[in-house]
Amino acid sequence: MVFRFIITFLAVGFINDRIGYREVLTQTLLVLIVSLLSTLIPPGGVAGILAVLILAHLYSLSLTAAAVGLALFLLLMLVFFRFSPKDTILLLIAPVCFRLGIPYALPVIAGLLFLPTSAVTLAVGYIVIYFVEFISENRATIEAASEDQLGRFRFLADGIMQNRTMMVMILAAVFTTVIIYTIRRLAMKYAWIAALVAGSIVQMIILLVGDMMFGTGISVGKAFLGVLAGALIGLVITFFAFSLDYSRIESTQFEDDEYYYYVKAVPKYLAASPRKRTVKKISTPVQEDRSVRQDYYEDPYADSQEDDLYFEDLDSFTDDEYDSGLPEDDYI
C-alpha cells in the first residue's frame, strides 16, 4: 500500500508538471486524496484515474486534444487488455521512471519480473507519455490553431505517429524485455545476471543505431547512464527475487510409470536463523531407598572370607573345588 501510494503520488505529479492546465486538479490536497485512494483500489482502477486526469487537463487546453486523447486511450486499452492485463503496475511505474530520468529501467523490470507480453504494456505506457510530452511542448501551437479544428487534429495525430524517438524507445524496450526474459529462463548458472548484461547491451545498441539512422536526438551520455542505472536496479531486483547459491548445486533423478526425471536443484541464499540451545537440567532425588540399591548392586557375601576367595581365586579352582568349596547358588 505504501509503494502504491508513492508511485501514484509521483505519477500524478508528473502529469501535473507536464500538462497541469486545470489548476484545481494540481492542488496538493487533491493529489494526496488520489494517492490515498489508490491504496484501496486495484492497479487497473488507478490507471483509469490517471487517464481521466489527463483527459481533464487536455479538455482545459482544447476539445480536440481531449478527443484525440480519448480515442488514443480507448485504442491502447483494447490492445492492453487483449495481451497483458496483469501488468498494470508497469503503466503506473512508467511516468515515475520518466520523471526520475531512468526510463531504460522499465524493460529491465519487465523482463526480470514479468512475461514477454509485458513489452505491449511498455509500448502503451511509452505512447501515452510521449503524447503528454508532445502536448506539453506544443501548447502554443495547439492554442493558436483554435479555428482550424481539422488542422489541429492532424497536427496531434502526426505528433503521435511521426515521433521517431518514441518508436526507437519502444523498439529498444520490446527487444530488451524479450531478450532478458528468454535468457533468465535458461537452465544455466547466473542466468539472471547474464540476462541483465545482455539486455542492457542490446538496449544501448538499439538506442545508438536508432539515433544514427533516424536522428532522434537521444544523448549518448544520458542514454549510457540511464542504461547503467537500469542495470543497477536489475541487480537489486535479482538480489531480492532470485538469489541462488551455485556452490551447493544438487542433481537427482527419479521415475514414475511413464517418465524418468533428471532434476538439478539450486538452493537459495537464506538468512541463517540463530539456533536455540536449551540446557536440560537433570537432578536426582534427595532421598532414595538405599536398601534396594544395595541389594541390587552389592554382593551379599562382600564381608565374608569365602567371597574374597570367590572373586580372587576363581580361575584357579577345579571343577571338584567348585562343587565342594562354594555353595550351589554362588556357583551358579
C-alpha atoms as a PDB file:
ATOM      1  CA  MET A   1       0.000   0.000   0.000  1.00  0.00           C
ATOM      2  CA  VAL A   2       2.840   2.371   0.792  1.00  0.00           C
ATOM      3  CA  PHE A   3       4.530   1.544  -2.511  1.00  0.00           C
ATOM      4  CA  ARG A   4       1.317   2.167  -4.456  1.00  0.00           C
ATOM      5  CA  PHE A   5       0.796   5.470  -2.641  1.00  0.00           C
ATOM      6  CA  ILE A   6       4.292   6.684  -3.554  1.00  0.00           C
ATOM      7  CA  ILE A   7       4.004   5.552  -7.183  1.00  0.00           C
ATOM      8  CA  THR A   8       0.619   7.246  -7.640  1.00  0.00           C
ATOM      9  CA  PHE A   9       1.813  10.442  -5.979  1.00  0.00           C
ATOM     10  CA  LEU A  10       4.819  10.663  -8.312  1.00  0.00           C
ATOM     11  CA  ALA A  11       2.741   9.759 -11.397  1.00  0.00           C
ATOM     12  CA  VAL A  12       0.159  12.454 -10.665  1.00  0.00           C
ATOM     13  CA  GLY A  13       2.997  14.905 -10.083  1.00  0.00           C
ATOM     14  CA  PHE A  14       4.467  14.038 -13.490  1.00  0.00           C
ATOM     15  CA  ILE A  15       1.113  14.691 -15.204  1.00  0.00           C
ATOM     16  CA  ASN A  16       0.582  17.982 -13.383  1.00  0.00           C
ATOM     17  CA  ASP A  17       4.086  19.173 -14.210  1.00  0.00           C
ATOM     18  CA  ARG A  18       3.651  18.483 -17.925  1.00  0.00           C
ATOM     19  CA  ILE A  19       0.028  19.390 -18.652  1.00  0.00           C
ATOM     20  CA  GLY A  20      -1.340  20.919 -15.466  1.00  0.00           C
ATOM     21  CA  TYR A  21      -3.778  23.185 -17.312  1.00  0.00           C
ATOM     22  CA  ARG A  22      -6.673  22.770 -14.861  1.00  0.00           C
ATOM     23  CA  GLU A  23      -5.377  24.327 -11.665  1.00  0.00           C
ATOM     24  CA  VAL A  24      -7.935  22.741  -9.358  1.00  0.00           C
ATOM     25  CA  LEU A  25      -6.502  19.299 -10.214  1.00  0.00           C
ATOM     26  CA  THR A  26      -2.972  20.349  -9.297  1.00  0.00           C
ATOM     27  CA  GLN A  27      -3.732  21.173  -5.672  1.00  0.00           C
ATOM     28  CA  THR A  28      -1.690  19.200  -3.170  1.00  0.00           C
ATOM     29  CA  LEU A  29      -4.728  18.122  -1.171  1.00  0.00           C
ATOM     30  CA  LEU A  30      -6.382  16.591  -4.227  1.00  0.00           C
ATOM     31  CA  VAL A  31      -3.148  14.829  -5.192  1.00  0.00           C
ATOM     32  CA  LEU A  32      -2.939  13.326  -1.698  1.00  0.00           C
ATOM     33  CA  ILE A  33      -6.559  12.190  -1.857  1.00  0.00           C
ATOM     34  CA  VAL A  34      -5.996  10.467  -5.204  1.00  0.00           C
ATOM     35  CA  SER A  35      -2.822   8.825  -3.877  1.00  0.00           C
ATOM     36  CA  LEU A  36      -4.626   7.561  -0.763  1.00  0.00           C
ATOM     37  CA  LEU A  37      -7.498   6.286  -2.878  1.00  0.00           C
ATOM     38  CA  SER A  38      -5.060   4.317  -4.993  1.00  0.00           C
ATOM     39  CA  THR A  39      -4.155   2.178  -1.972  1.00  0.00           C
ATOM     40  CA  LEU A  40      -7.736   0.893  -1.753  1.00  0.00           C
ATOM     41  CA  ILE A  41      -8.397   0.020  -5.395  1.00  0.00           C
ATOM     42  CA  PRO A  42      -6.642  -2.335  -7.845  1.00  0.00           C
ATOM     43  CA  PRO A  43      -3.911  -1.042 -10.181  1.00  0.00           C
ATOM     44  CA  GLY A  44      -6.326  -1.041 -13.118  1.00  0.00           C
ATOM     45  CA  GLY A  45      -8.526   1.456 -11.290  1.00  0.00           C
ATOM     46  CA  VAL A  46      -5.506   3.655 -10.589  1.00  0.00           C
ATOM     47  CA  ALA A  47      -4.594   3.648 -14.293  1.00  0.00           C
ATOM     48  CA  GLY A  48      -8.176   4.680 -15.093  1.00  0.00           C
ATOM     49  CA  ILE A  49      -7.967   7.589 -12.641  1.00  0.00           C
ATOM     50  CA  LEU A  50      -4.720   8.786 -14.237  1.00  0.00           C
ATOM     51  CA  ALA A  51      -6.313   8.580 -17.698  1.00  0.00           C
ATOM     52  CA  VAL A  52      -9.300  10.676 -16.546  1.00  0.00           C
ATOM     53  CA  LEU A  53      -6.898  13.183 -15.006  1.00  0.00           C
ATOM     54  CA  ILE A  54      -5.004  13.528 -18.304  1.00  0.00           C
ATOM     55  CA  LEU A  55      -8.227  13.971 -20.274  1.00  0.00           C
ATOM     56  CA  ALA A  56      -9.426  16.665 -17.856  1.00  0.00           C
ATOM     57  CA  HIS A  57      -6.227  18.644 -18.381  1.00  0.00           C
ATOM     58  CA  LEU A  58      -6.447  18.204 -22.165  1.00  0.00           C
ATOM     59  CA  TYR A  59     -10.049  19.399 -22.172  1.00  0.00           C
ATOM     60  CA  SER A  60      -8.931  22.596 -20.438  1.00  0.00           C
ATOM     61  CA  LEU A  61      -6.455  23.104 -23.255  1.00  0.00           C
ATOM     62  CA  SER A  62      -8.573  22.082 -26.236  1.00  0.00           C
ATOM     63  CA  LEU A  63     -11.609  19.972 -27.003  1.00  0.00           C
ATOM     64  CA  THR A  64      -9.788  18.496 -29.987  1.00  0.00           C
ATOM     65  CA  ALA A  65      -6.833  17.461 -27.817  1.00  0.00           C
ATOM     66  CA  ALA A  66      -9.214  15.782 -25.365  1.00  0.00           C
ATOM     67  CA  ALA A  67     -10.973  13.957 -28.212  1.00  0.00           C
ATOM     68  CA  VAL A  68      -7.693  12.724 -29.679  1.00  0.00           C
ATOM     69  CA  GLY A  69      -6.548  11.660 -26.217  1.00  0.00           C
ATOM     70  CA  LEU A  70      -9.797   9.769 -25.571  1.00  0.00           C
ATOM     71  CA  ALA A  71      -9.581   7.927 -28.897  1.00  0.00           C
ATOM     72  CA  LEU A  72      -5.942   7.084 -28.222  1.00  0.00           C
ATOM     73  CA  PHE A  73      -6.695   5.774 -24.724  1.00  0.00           C
ATOM     74  CA  LEU A  74      -9.568   3.613 -25.939  1.00  0.00           C
ATOM     75  CA  LEU A  75      -7.398   2.068 -28.642  1.00  0.00           C
ATOM     76  CA  LEU A  76      -4.495   1.456 -26.275  1.00  0.00           C
ATOM     77  CA  MET A  77      -6.750  -0.029 -23.610  1.00  0.00           C
ATOM     78  CA  LEU A  78      -8.152  -2.514 -26.116  1.00  0.00           C
ATOM     79  CA  VAL A  79      -4.646  -3.601 -27.051  1.00  0.00           C
ATOM     80  CA  PHE A  80      -3.517  -3.667 -23.431  1.00  0.00           C
ATOM     81  CA  PHE A  81      -6.378  -5.755 -22.063  1.00  0.00           C
ATOM     82  CA  ARG A  82      -6.018  -8.123 -25.010  1.00  0.00           C
ATOM     83  CA  PHE A  83      -2.375  -9.033 -24.358  1.00  0.00           C
ATOM     84  CA  SER A  84      -1.177  -8.165 -20.845  1.00  0.00           C
ATOM     85  CA  PRO A  85      -3.900  -7.043 -18.432  1.00  0.00           C
ATOM     86  CA  LYS A  86      -1.942  -8.280 -15.393  1.00  0.00           C
ATOM     87  CA  ASP A  87       0.990  -5.897 -15.885  1.00  0.00           C
ATOM     88  CA  THR A  88      -0.851  -2.704 -14.952  1.00  0.00           C
ATOM     89  CA  ILE A  89       1.767  -1.860 -12.366  1.00  0.00           C
ATOM     90  CA  LEU A  90       4.189  -1.155 -15.231  1.00  0.00           C
ATOM     91  CA  LEU A  91       1.836   1.551 -16.502  1.00  0.00           C
ATOM     92  CA  LEU A  92       2.000   3.221 -13.105  1.00  0.00           C
ATOM     93  CA  ILE A  93       5.786   2.910 -12.868  1.00  0.00           C
ATOM     94  CA  ALA A  94       6.393   4.292 -16.375  1.00  0.00           C
ATOM     95  CA  PRO A  95       5.723   8.007 -15.654  1.00  0.00           C
ATOM     96  CA  VAL A  96       7.732   7.729 -12.427  1.00  0.00           C
ATOM     97  CA  CYS A  97      10.764   6.345 -14.283  1.00  0.00           C
ATOM     98  CA  PHE A  98      10.469   9.080 -16.918  1.00  0.00           C
ATOM     99  CA  ARG A  99      10.240  11.737 -14.227  1.00  0.00           C
ATOM    100  CA  LEU A 100      13.348  10.341 -12.499  1.00  0.00           C
ATOM    101  CA  GLY A 101      15.220  10.152 -15.808  1.00  0.00           C
ATOM    102  CA  ILE A 102      15.562   6.350 -15.847  1.00  0.00           C
ATOM    103  CA  PRO A 103      13.062   5.101 -18.462  1.00  0.00           C
ATOM    104  CA  TYR A 104      15.640   2.498 -19.523  1.00  0.00           C
ATOM    105  CA  ALA A 105      14.951   0.571 -16.314  1.00  0.00           C
ATOM    106  CA  LEU A 106      11.409  -0.278 -17.443  1.00  0.00           C
ATOM    107  CA  PRO A 107      12.312  -3.116 -19.884  1.00  0.00           C
ATOM    108  CA  VAL A 108      14.736  -4.496 -17.293  1.00  0.00           C
ATOM    109  CA  ILE A 109      11.971  -4.666 -14.697  1.00  0.00           C
ATOM    110  CA  ALA A 110       9.540  -6.155 -17.214  1.00  0.00           C
ATOM    111  CA  GLY A 111      11.973  -8.821 -18.411  1.00  0.00           C
ATOM    112  CA  LEU A 112      13.024  -9.909 -14.924  1.00  0.00           C
ATOM    113  CA  LEU A 113       9.655  -9.970 -13.195  1.00  0.00           C
ATOM    114  CA  PHE A 114       7.007 -10.349 -15.920  1.00  0.00           C
ATOM    115  CA  LEU A 115       6.307 -12.118 -19.216  1.00  0.00           C
ATOM    116  CA  PRO A 116       7.375 -11.178 -22.762  1.00  0.00           C
ATOM    117  CA  THR A 117       3.877  -9.761 -23.322  1.00  0.00           C
ATOM    118  CA  SER A 118       4.896  -7.024 -20.876  1.00  0.00           C
ATOM    119  CA  ALA A 119       6.512  -5.357 -23.882  1.00  0.00           C
ATOM    120  CA  VAL A 120       2.981  -4.465 -25.013  1.00  0.00           C
ATOM    121  CA  THR A 121       2.360  -2.771 -21.674  1.00  0.00           C
ATOM    122  CA  LEU A 122       5.573  -0.785 -22.034  1.00  0.00           C
ATOM    123  CA  ALA A 123       4.610   0.254 -25.561  1.00  0.00           C
ATOM    124  CA  VAL A 124       1.243   1.524 -24.287  1.00  0.00           C
ATOM    125  CA  GLY A 125       2.936   3.452 -21.486  1.00  0.00           C
ATOM    126  CA  TYR A 126       5.522   4.965 -23.819  1.00  0.00           C
ATOM    127  CA  ILE A 127       2.853   6.159 -26.277  1.00  0.00           C
ATOM    128  CA  VAL A 128       0.841   7.844 -23.512  1.00  0.00           C
ATOM    129  CA  ILE A 129       3.907   9.505 -22.008  1.00  0.00           C
ATOM    130  CA  TYR A 130       5.243  10.800 -25.328  1.00  0.00           C
ATOM    131  CA  PHE A 131       1.756  12.041 -26.215  1.00  0.00           C
ATOM    132  CA  VAL A 132       1.697  14.022 -22.965  1.00  0.00           C
ATOM    133  CA  GLU A 133       5.201  15.313 -23.662  1.00  0.00           C
ATOM    134  CA  PHE A 134       4.160  16.371 -27.165  1.00  0.00           C
ATOM    135  CA  ILE A 135       1.160  18.274 -25.817  1.00  0.00           C
ATOM    136  CA  SER A 136       3.377  19.991 -23.250  1.00  0.00           C
ATOM    137  CA  GLU A 137       5.991  21.048 -25.810  1.00  0.00           C
ATOM    138  CA  ASN A 138       3.474  22.291 -28.400  1.00  0.00           C
ATOM    139  CA  ARG A 139       0.920  24.029 -26.233  1.00  0.00           C
ATOM    140  CA  ALA A 140       1.299  27.342 -28.022  1.00  0.00           C
ATOM    141  CA  THR A 141       0.809  25.804 -31.455  1.00  0.00           C
ATOM    142  CA  ILE A 142      -2.301  23.915 -30.349  1.00  0.00           C
ATOM    143  CA  GLU A 143      -3.861  27.026 -28.827  1.00  0.00           C
ATOM    144  CA  ALA A 144      -3.033  29.137 -31.917  1.00  0.00           C
ATOM    145  CA  ALA A 145      -4.970  26.828 -34.254  1.00  0.00           C
ATOM    146  CA  SER A 146      -8.229  27.448 -32.455  1.00  0.00           C
ATOM    147  CA  GLU A 147     -10.311  27.920 -35.609  1.00  0.00           C
ATOM    148  CA  ASP A 148      -8.844  25.128 -37.743  1.00  0.00           C
ATOM    149  CA  GLN A 149     -10.098  22.043 -35.897  1.00  0.00           C
ATOM    150  CA  LEU A 150      -9.122  19.670 -38.711  1.00  0.00           C
ATOM    151  CA  GLY A 151      -5.602  21.068 -38.848  1.00  0.00           C
ATOM    152  CA  ARG A 152      -5.284  20.739 -35.082  1.00  0.00           C
ATOM    153  CA  PHE A 153      -6.446  17.129 -35.221  1.00  0.00           C
ATOM    154  CA  ARG A 154      -3.933  16.334 -37.974  1.00  0.00           C
ATOM    155  CA  PHE A 155      -1.185  18.048 -36.034  1.00  0.00           C
ATOM    156  CA  LEU A 156      -1.894  15.942 -32.937  1.00  0.00           C
ATOM    157  CA  ALA A 157      -2.126  12.708 -34.923  1.00  0.00           C
ATOM    158  CA  ASP A 158       1.163  13.411 -36.681  1.00  0.00           C
ATOM    159  CA  GLY A 159       2.752  14.183 -33.341  1.00  0.00           C
ATOM    160  CA  ILE A 160       1.998  10.629 -32.250  1.00  0.00           C
ATOM    161  CA  MET A 161       2.603   8.693 -35.478  1.00  0.00           C
ATOM    162  CA  GLN A 162       5.774  10.512 -36.548  1.00  0.00           C
ATOM    163  CA  ASN A 163       7.573  10.605 -33.233  1.00  0.00           C
ATOM    164  CA  ARG A 164      10.783   8.761 -34.114  1.00  0.00           C
ATOM    165  CA  THR A 165      12.212   8.975 -30.614  1.00  0.00           C
ATOM    166  CA  MET A 166       9.146   7.181 -29.291  1.00  0.00           C
ATOM    167  CA  MET A 167       9.450   4.487 -31.963  1.00  0.00           C
ATOM    168  CA  VAL A 168      13.111   3.835 -31.165  1.00  0.00           C
ATOM    169  CA  MET A 169      12.388   3.697 -27.433  1.00  0.00           C
ATOM    170  CA  ILE A 170       9.533   1.229 -27.987  1.00  0.00           C
ATOM    171  CA  LEU A 171      11.717  -0.931 -30.246  1.00  0.00           C
ATOM    172  CA  ALA A 172      14.514  -0.973 -27.662  1.00  0.00           C
ATOM    173  CA  ALA A 173      12.072  -1.784 -24.870  1.00  0.00           C
ATOM    174  CA  VAL A 174      10.490  -4.678 -26.784  1.00  0.00           C
ATOM    175  CA  PHE A 175      13.797  -6.321 -27.727  1.00  0.00           C
ATOM    176  CA  THR A 176      15.281  -5.796 -24.266  1.00  0.00           C
ATOM    177  CA  THR A 177      12.263  -7.286 -22.497  1.00  0.00           C
ATOM    178  CA  VAL A 178      12.165 -10.375 -24.710  1.00  0.00           C
ATOM    179  CA  ILE A 179      15.925 -10.999 -24.518  1.00  0.00           C
ATOM    180  CA  ILE A 180      16.078 -10.618 -20.731  1.00  0.00           C
ATOM    181  CA  TYR A 181      13.094 -12.909 -20.234  1.00  0.00           C
ATOM    182  CA  THR A 182      14.460 -15.559 -22.626  1.00  0.00           C
ATOM    183  CA  ILE A 183      17.940 -15.691 -21.087  1.00  0.00           C
ATOM    184  CA  ARG A 184      16.798 -15.632 -17.482  1.00  0.00           C
ATOM    185  CA  ARG A 185      14.663 -18.719 -18.150  1.00  0.00           C
ATOM    186  CA  LEU A 186      17.675 -20.770 -19.296  1.00  0.00           C
ATOM    187  CA  ALA A 187      18.969 -23.576 -17.064  1.00  0.00           C
ATOM    188  CA  MET A 188      22.411 -22.084 -16.573  1.00  0.00           C
ATOM    189  CA  LYS A 189      24.410 -20.562 -13.771  1.00  0.00           C
ATOM    190  CA  TYR A 190      23.860 -16.861 -13.126  1.00  0.00           C
ATOM    191  CA  ALA A 191      21.112 -16.760 -15.753  1.00  0.00           C
ATOM    192  CA  TRP A 192      19.593 -13.543 -14.358  1.00  0.00           C
ATOM    193  CA  ILE A 193      22.937 -11.767 -14.351  1.00  0.00           C
ATOM    194  CA  ALA A 194      23.661 -12.886 -17.915  1.00  0.00           C
ATOM    195  CA  ALA A 195      20.190 -11.773 -18.994  1.00  0.00           C
ATOM    196  CA  LEU A 196      20.702  -8.400 -17.346  1.00  0.00           C
ATOM    197  CA  VAL A 197      24.048  -7.819 -19.062  1.00  0.00           C
ATOM    198  CA  ALA A 198      22.823  -8.970 -22.475  1.00  0.00           C
ATOM    199  CA  GLY A 199      19.634  -6.930 -22.276  1.00  0.00           C
ATOM    200  CA  SER A 200      21.465  -3.770 -21.261  1.00  0.00           C
ATOM    201  CA  ILE A 201      23.945  -4.131 -24.135  1.00  0.00           C
ATOM    202  CA  VAL A 202      21.163  -4.743 -26.669  1.00  0.00           C
ATOM    203  CA  GLN A 203      19.199  -1.758 -25.408  1.00  0.00           C
ATOM    204  CA  MET A 204      22.210   0.523 -25.700  1.00  0.00           C
ATOM    205  CA  ILE A 205      22.996  -0.711 -29.227  1.00  0.00           C
ATOM    206  CA  ILE A 206      19.420  -0.141 -30.429  1.00  0.00           C
ATOM    207  CA  LEU A 207      19.387   3.375 -28.965  1.00  0.00           C
ATOM    208  CA  LEU A 208      22.666   4.271 -30.666  1.00  0.00           C
ATOM    209  CA  VAL A 209      21.715   2.762 -34.026  1.00  0.00           C
ATOM    210  CA  GLY A 210      18.281   4.393 -33.884  1.00  0.00           C
ATOM    211  CA  ASP A 211      19.827   7.762 -33.175  1.00  0.00           C
ATOM    212  CA  MET A 212      22.232   7.432 -36.103  1.00  0.00           C
ATOM    213  CA  MET A 213      19.542   6.274 -38.540  1.00  0.00           C
ATOM    214  CA  PHE A 214      16.612   8.498 -37.555  1.00  0.00           C
ATOM    215  CA  GLY A 215      18.247  11.435 -35.791  1.00  0.00           C
ATOM    216  CA  THR A 216      16.242  11.006 -32.595  1.00  0.00           C
ATOM    217  CA  GLY A 217      18.443  13.388 -30.651  1.00  0.00           C
ATOM    218  CA  ILE A 218      18.981  10.914 -27.816  1.00  0.00           C
ATOM    219  CA  SER A 219      22.005  11.957 -25.790  1.00  0.00           C
ATOM    220  CA  VAL A 220      24.590   9.180 -25.797  1.00  0.00           C
ATOM    221  CA  GLY A 221      25.892  10.127 -22.363  1.00  0.00           C
ATOM    222  CA  LYS A 222      22.437  10.262 -20.777  1.00  0.00           C
ATOM    223  CA  ALA A 223      21.458   7.041 -22.506  1.00  0.00           C
ATOM    224  CA  PHE A 224      24.566   5.271 -21.192  1.00  0.00           C
ATOM    225  CA  LEU A 225      23.975   6.499 -17.640  1.00  0.00           C
ATOM    226  CA  GLY A 226      20.296   5.573 -17.887  1.00  0.00           C
ATOM    227  CA  VAL A 227      21.059   2.047 -19.093  1.00  0.00           C
ATOM    228  CA  LEU A 228      23.653   1.690 -16.341  1.00  0.00           C
ATOM    229  CA  ALA A 229      21.118   2.840 -13.752  1.00  0.00           C
ATOM    230  CA  GLY A 230      18.634   0.321 -15.141  1.00  0.00           C
ATOM    231  CA  ALA A 231      21.225  -2.440 -14.804  1.00  0.00           C
ATOM    232  CA  LEU A 232      21.865  -1.489 -11.179  1.00  0.00           C
ATOM    233  CA  ILE A 233      18.136  -1.597 -10.480  1.00  0.00           C
ATOM    234  CA  GLY A 234      18.091  -5.018 -12.122  1.00  0.00           C
ATOM    235  CA  LEU A 235      20.868  -6.191  -9.781  1.00  0.00           C
ATOM    236  CA  VAL A 236      18.806  -5.100  -6.796  1.00  0.00           C
ATOM    237  CA  ILE A 237      15.788  -6.977  -8.152  1.00  0.00           C
ATOM    238  CA  THR A 238      17.949 -10.059  -8.753  1.00  0.00           C
ATOM    239  CA  PHE A 239      19.256  -9.943  -5.188  1.00  0.00           C
ATOM    240  CA  PHE A 240      15.764  -9.980  -3.714  1.00  0.00           C
ATOM    241  CA  ALA A 241      13.940 -12.161  -6.264  1.00  0.00           C
ATOM    242  CA  PHE A 242      16.497 -14.702  -7.500  1.00  0.00           C
ATOM    243  CA  SER A 243      19.453 -15.049  -5.126  1.00  0.00           C
ATOM    244  CA  LEU A 244      20.881 -18.562  -5.554  1.00  0.00           C
ATOM    245  CA  ASP A 245      23.867 -20.366  -4.045  1.00  0.00           C
ATOM    246  CA  TYR A 246      25.509 -22.079  -7.013  1.00  0.00           C
ATOM    247  CA  SER A 247      28.182 -23.655  -4.807  1.00  0.00           C
ATOM    248  CA  ARG A 248      25.645 -26.155  -3.433  1.00  0.00           C
ATOM    249  CA  ILE A 249      24.012 -27.461  -6.624  1.00  0.00           C
ATOM    250  CA  GLU A 250      22.477 -30.930  -6.301  1.00  0.00           C
ATOM    251  CA  SER A 251      21.455 -33.257  -9.121  1.00  0.00           C
ATOM    252  CA  THR A 252      18.980 -36.056  -8.658  1.00  0.00           C
ATOM    253  CA  GLN A 253      16.783 -38.351 -10.701  1.00  0.00           C
ATOM    254  CA  PHE A 254      13.625 -40.346 -10.130  1.00  0.00           C
ATOM    255  CA  GLU A 255      10.961 -42.061 -12.158  1.00  0.00           C
ATOM    256  CA  ASP A 256       7.303 -42.905 -12.325  1.00  0.00           C
ATOM    257  CA  ASP A 257       5.320 -45.219 -14.562  1.00  0.00           C
ATOM    258  CA  GLU A 258       5.806 -43.098 -17.668  1.00  0.00           C
ATOM    259  CA  TYR A 259       8.896 -40.873 -17.306  1.00  0.00           C
ATOM    260  CA  TYR A 260      12.389 -40.557 -15.953  1.00  0.00           C
ATOM    261  CA  TYR A 261      13.078 -37.194 -14.288  1.00  0.00           C
ATOM    262  CA  TYR A 262      16.504 -35.563 -14.114  1.00  0.00           C
ATOM    263  CA  VAL A 263      16.459 -32.617 -11.726  1.00  0.00           C
ATOM    264  CA  LYS A 264      19.113 -30.041 -10.886  1.00  0.00           C
ATOM    265  CA  ALA A 265      18.333 -28.271  -7.611  1.00  0.00           C
ATOM    266  CA  VAL A 266      19.973 -24.942  -6.800  1.00  0.00           C
ATOM    267  CA  PRO A 267      19.384 -23.740  -3.218  1.00  0.00           C
ATOM    268  CA  LYS A 268      18.525 -20.161  -2.410  1.00  0.00           C
ATOM    269  CA  TYR A 269      20.562 -17.912  -0.175  1.00  0.00           C
ATOM    270  CA  LEU A 270      18.709 -17.831   3.114  1.00  0.00           C
ATOM    271  CA  ALA A 271      19.475 -15.793   6.192  1.00  0.00           C
ATOM    272  CA  ALA A 272      20.639 -18.242   8.811  1.00  0.00           C
ATOM    273  CA  SER A 273      18.462 -18.054  11.884  1.00  0.00           C
ATOM    274  CA  PRO A 274      20.272 -18.440  15.222  1.00  0.00           C
ATOM    275  CA  ARG A 275      19.903 -21.845  16.797  1.00  0.00           C
ATOM    276  CA  LYS A 276      18.071 -22.015  20.063  1.00  0.00           C
ATOM    277  CA  ARG A 277      20.075 -24.075  22.509  1.00  0.00           C
ATOM    278  CA  THR A 278      18.322 -25.401  25.561  1.00  0.00           C
ATOM    279  CA  VAL A 279      20.059 -26.881  28.571  1.00  0.00           C
ATOM    280  CA  LYS A 280      18.207 -29.643  30.320  1.00  0.00           C
ATOM    281  CA  LYS A 281      18.993 -29.954  33.998  1.00  0.00           C
ATOM    282  CA  ILE A 282      18.955 -33.487  35.323  1.00  0.00           C
ATOM    283  CA  SER A 283      18.722 -33.904  39.071  1.00  0.00           C
ATOM    284  CA  THR A 284      18.391 -36.992  41.270  1.00  0.00           C
ATOM    285  CA  PRO A 285      16.017 -37.284  44.193  1.00  0.00           C
ATOM    286  CA  VAL A 286      17.448 -36.257  47.510  1.00  0.00           C
ATOM    287  CA  GLN A 287      16.090 -39.256  49.379  1.00  0.00           C
ATOM    288  CA  GLU A 288      16.490 -42.718  47.935  1.00  0.00           C
ATOM    289  CA  ASP A 289      15.713 -46.187  49.096  1.00  0.00           C
ATOM    290  CA  ARG A 290      19.279 -47.267  49.783  1.00  0.00           C
ATOM    291  CA  SER A 291      18.289 -50.782  50.708  1.00  0.00           C
ATOM    292  CA  VAL A 292      17.001 -51.523  47.217  1.00  0.00           C
ATOM    293  CA  ARG A 293      20.108 -50.106  45.590  1.00  0.00           C
ATOM    294  CA  GLN A 294      22.338 -52.077  47.988  1.00  0.00           C
ATOM    295  CA  ASP A 295      20.512 -55.315  47.350  1.00  0.00           C
ATOM    296  CA  TYR A 296      20.747 -54.750  43.622  1.00  0.00           C
ATOM    297  CA  TYR A 297      24.374 -53.693  43.248  1.00  0.00           C
ATOM    298  CA  GLU A 298      26.260 -55.188  46.238  1.00  0.00           C
ATOM    299  CA  ASP A 299      27.205 -58.779  46.732  1.00  0.00           C
ATOM    300  CA  PRO A 300      25.701 -60.364  49.846  1.00  0.00           C
ATOM    301  CA  TYR A 301      28.996 -62.044  50.589  1.00  0.00           C
ATOM    302  CA  ALA A 302      31.141 -58.923  50.381  1.00  0.00           C
ATOM    303  CA  ASP A 303      32.303 -59.213  54.026  1.00  0.00           C
ATOM    304  CA  SER A 304      32.949 -62.936  54.073  1.00  0.00           C
ATOM    305  CA  GLN A 305      36.246 -64.605  53.611  1.00  0.00           C
ATOM    306  CA  GLU A 306      34.604 -67.071  51.310  1.00  0.00           C
ATOM    307  CA  ASP A 307      33.564 -64.230  48.975  1.00  0.00           C
ATOM    308  CA  ASP A 308      37.135 -62.941  48.749  1.00  0.00           C
ATOM    309  CA  LEU A 309      38.137 -66.351  47.639  1.00  0.00           C
ATOM    310  CA  TYR A 310      35.336 -66.369  45.079  1.00  0.00           C
ATOM    311  CA  PHE A 311      36.438 -63.161  43.402  1.00  0.00           C
ATOM    312  CA  GLU A 312      40.202 -63.502  43.664  1.00  0.00           C
ATOM    313  CA  ASP A 313      40.920 -67.193  43.104  1.00  0.00           C
ATOM    314  CA  LEU A 314      38.015 -68.272  40.987  1.00  0.00           C
ATOM    315  CA  ASP A 315      40.164 -69.061  37.955  1.00  0.00           C
ATOM    316  CA  SER A 316      42.386 -71.447  39.912  1.00  0.00           C
ATOM    317  CA  PHE A 317      39.539 -73.672  41.089  1.00  0.00           C
ATOM    318  CA  THR A 318      38.903 -77.036  39.540  1.00  0.00           C
ATOM    319  CA  ASP A 319      35.502 -78.482  38.917  1.00  0.00           C
ATOM    320  CA  ASP A 320      35.688 -80.509  42.134  1.00  0.00           C
ATOM    321  CA  GLU A 321      36.594 -77.454  44.114  1.00  0.00           C
ATOM    322  CA  TYR A 322      33.584 -75.671  42.683  1.00  0.00           C
ATOM    323  CA  ASP A 323      31.329 -78.449  43.811  1.00  0.00           C
ATOM    324  CA  SER A 324      32.775 -78.713  47.306  1.00  0.00           C
ATOM    325  CA  GLY A 325      34.071 -75.290  48.153  1.00  0.00           C
ATOM    326  CA  LEU A 326      31.224 -72.996  47.146  1.00  0.00           C
ATOM    327  CA  PRO A 327      27.531 -73.028  47.823  1.00  0.00           C
ATOM    328  CA  GLU A 328      25.371 -74.100  44.900  1.00  0.00           C
ATOM    329  CA  ASP A 329      23.757 -70.707  44.455  1.00  0.00           C
ATOM    330  CA  ASP A 330      27.097 -68.903  44.371  1.00  0.00           C
ATOM    331  CA  TYR A 331      28.433 -71.358  41.837  1.00  0.00           C
ATOM    332  CA  ILE A 332      25.519 -70.724  39.521  1.00  0.00           C
END
